[in-house]
């Protein structure tokens, strides 16, 4: 369903991080550009709908926090713990938690789908919250897992409108994706998202995203329902269960 999210007042104790403000502002400011592409009437043909994963994923949650709340572990002059060291990771987790705790609640839903045909599923996640969404949509993040427990960000897309349609057509070895694009209230179109060899388009409303010109069959993922228990709160730090693993 469409969600129009409104910005919450800034907490007085600290300023919100600039990257996160830029993400939310970009979602809103990008809206006037949505009509840059011609609107088409073609719609995808959903042959199957896969429900989101029922359980939260602590590894994915850690990756989402790093993307949504980027922090520095030095003092801006190169002084601080070495990146990747135990101390550096501790400082990073502490600062990410501090940034996260300033924000209104964020929720996510996720699915697994093999996009590149290597037999190992990629993780796709939609993040929803008043400070990360805009009228044009919410963030979609796609990760691959090159090794167990290690996620690599492939795409961070703004203005995503669920569901995500995964087709069998490939571009540079990866399956083509389809999503909705909002033009204004009650109007929009579907866009194809080709993989360029490194990433998918980060904004479905402008090139290299392509308005869908003919019906395309695909499988639907990440259909959002606020009442569905498969939408998970994003904790600001590792849960006790995750730490015990």
Foldseek 3Di string as FASTA:
>chain_A
DADAFAADDQDPPDGADPVLQCLQVCQAVCQVLLVVAPAADADAAAPAEDEFDLDDDLLVLVVVLCVNQPDDQAPVPPDGDDPPDPRSVVSRLVNSLVNVVRFDWKKKTKDWDCFQPPPFTKIKMWIDDNSQAHNLGGWIWIWGDPDPSDTDTQAIAHSFDDWKWWAPDADLRGTKIKTWTDNDVPDTFIWIWHQPNRHTDRYCSDPPIGTDHHYGYTHIYDDDDPPDSSIGISRSHRDPVRVVD
